[in-house]
Amino acid sequence: MQGRFEEAKKVQQRALQLNPEMAEAYAGLGLIWLKQAESSQSEKDYESALVAYRQAIALKPDLKEAL
């Protein structure tokens, strides 16, 4: 399962390399980190999810995927 999380994160990170202002990609990263955290119970993964969601909201406050 860990490999799938890593692959999914790479896709979102690539999207952010192409467009650093893409709030949807940050929301996608947030979801990936959250799912990984639910699996691992890692506080660091939960914190990473929160950081990604906050960035998404900062870029696009009405983005429902990040609320």
Protein backbone atom coordinates (compact mmCIF):
# COMPACT_ATOMS: atom_id res chain seq x y z
CA MET A 1 0.00 0.00 0.00
CA GLN A 2 2.88 2.37 0.79
CA GLY A 3 4.01 2.24 -2.83
CA ARG A 4 0.62 3.44 -4.03
CA PHE A 5 0.72 6.41 -1.64
CA GLU A 6 4.18 7.35 -2.91
CA GLU A 7 3.10 7.06 -6.53
CA ALA A 8 0.01 9.19 -5.90
CA LYS A 9 2.08 11.84 -4.09
CA LYS A 10 4.49 12.01 -7.04
CA VAL A 11 1.60 12.69 -9.42
CA GLN A 12 0.31 15.57 -7.26
CA GLN A 13 3.82 16.95 -6.75
CA ARG A 14 4.39 16.89 -10.51
CA ALA A 15 1.18 18.84 -11.00
CA LEU A 16 2.47 21.40 -8.50
CA GLN A 17 5.77 21.66 -10.35
CA LEU A 18 3.82 22.54 -13.48
CA ASN A 19 1.46 24.89 -11.64
CA PRO A 20 2.44 25.86 -8.06
CA GLU A 21 -0.87 27.70 -7.66
CA MET A 22 -3.02 24.58 -8.24
CA ALA A 23 -5.06 24.36 -5.06
CA GLU A 24 -6.63 21.08 -6.20
CA ALA A 25 -3.22 19.41 -6.23
CA TYR A 26 -2.60 20.52 -2.64
CA ALA A 27 -6.02 19.16 -1.69
CA GLY A 28 -5.12 15.92 -3.44
CA LEU A 29 -1.89 15.72 -1.46
CA GLY A 30 -3.85 16.39 1.71
CA LEU A 31 -6.15 13.48 0.98
CA ILE A 32 -3.24 11.18 0.18
CA TRP A 33 -1.43 12.14 3.40
CA LEU A 34 -4.65 11.69 5.38
CA LYS A 35 -5.25 8.21 3.98
CA GLN A 36 -1.63 7.31 4.64
CA ALA A 37 -1.95 8.64 8.20
CA GLU A 38 -5.08 6.56 8.78
CA SER A 39 -3.09 3.51 7.72
CA SER A 40 0.14 4.32 9.55
CA GLN A 41 -1.23 6.26 12.55
CA SER A 42 1.77 8.54 12.06
CA GLU A 43 1.47 12.00 13.58
CA LYS A 44 3.88 13.28 10.93
CA ASP A 45 1.55 12.08 8.17
CA TYR A 46 -1.42 13.82 9.83
CA GLU A 47 0.63 17.02 10.07
CA SER A 48 1.58 16.75 6.39
CA ALA A 49 -2.10 16.39 5.48
CA LEU A 50 -2.95 19.49 7.49
CA VAL A 51 -0.18 21.53 5.85
CA ALA A 52 -1.34 20.50 2.37
CA TYR A 53 -5.00 21.29 3.14
CA ARG A 54 -4.04 24.68 4.58
CA GLN A 55 -2.09 25.51 1.43
CA ALA A 56 -5.07 24.52 -0.72
CA ILE A 57 -7.38 26.76 1.32
CA ALA A 58 -4.90 29.64 1.19
CA LEU A 59 -4.89 29.46 -2.60
CA LYS A 60 -8.60 28.83 -3.05
CA PRO A 61 -10.68 29.48 0.10
CA ASP A 62 -13.88 28.06 -1.39
CA LEU A 63 -12.34 24.76 -2.54
CA LYS A 64 -14.74 22.19 -1.12
CA GLU A 65 -12.20 19.35 -1.32
CA ALA A 66 -10.07 21.13 1.26
CA LEU A 67 -12.79 22.12 3.71
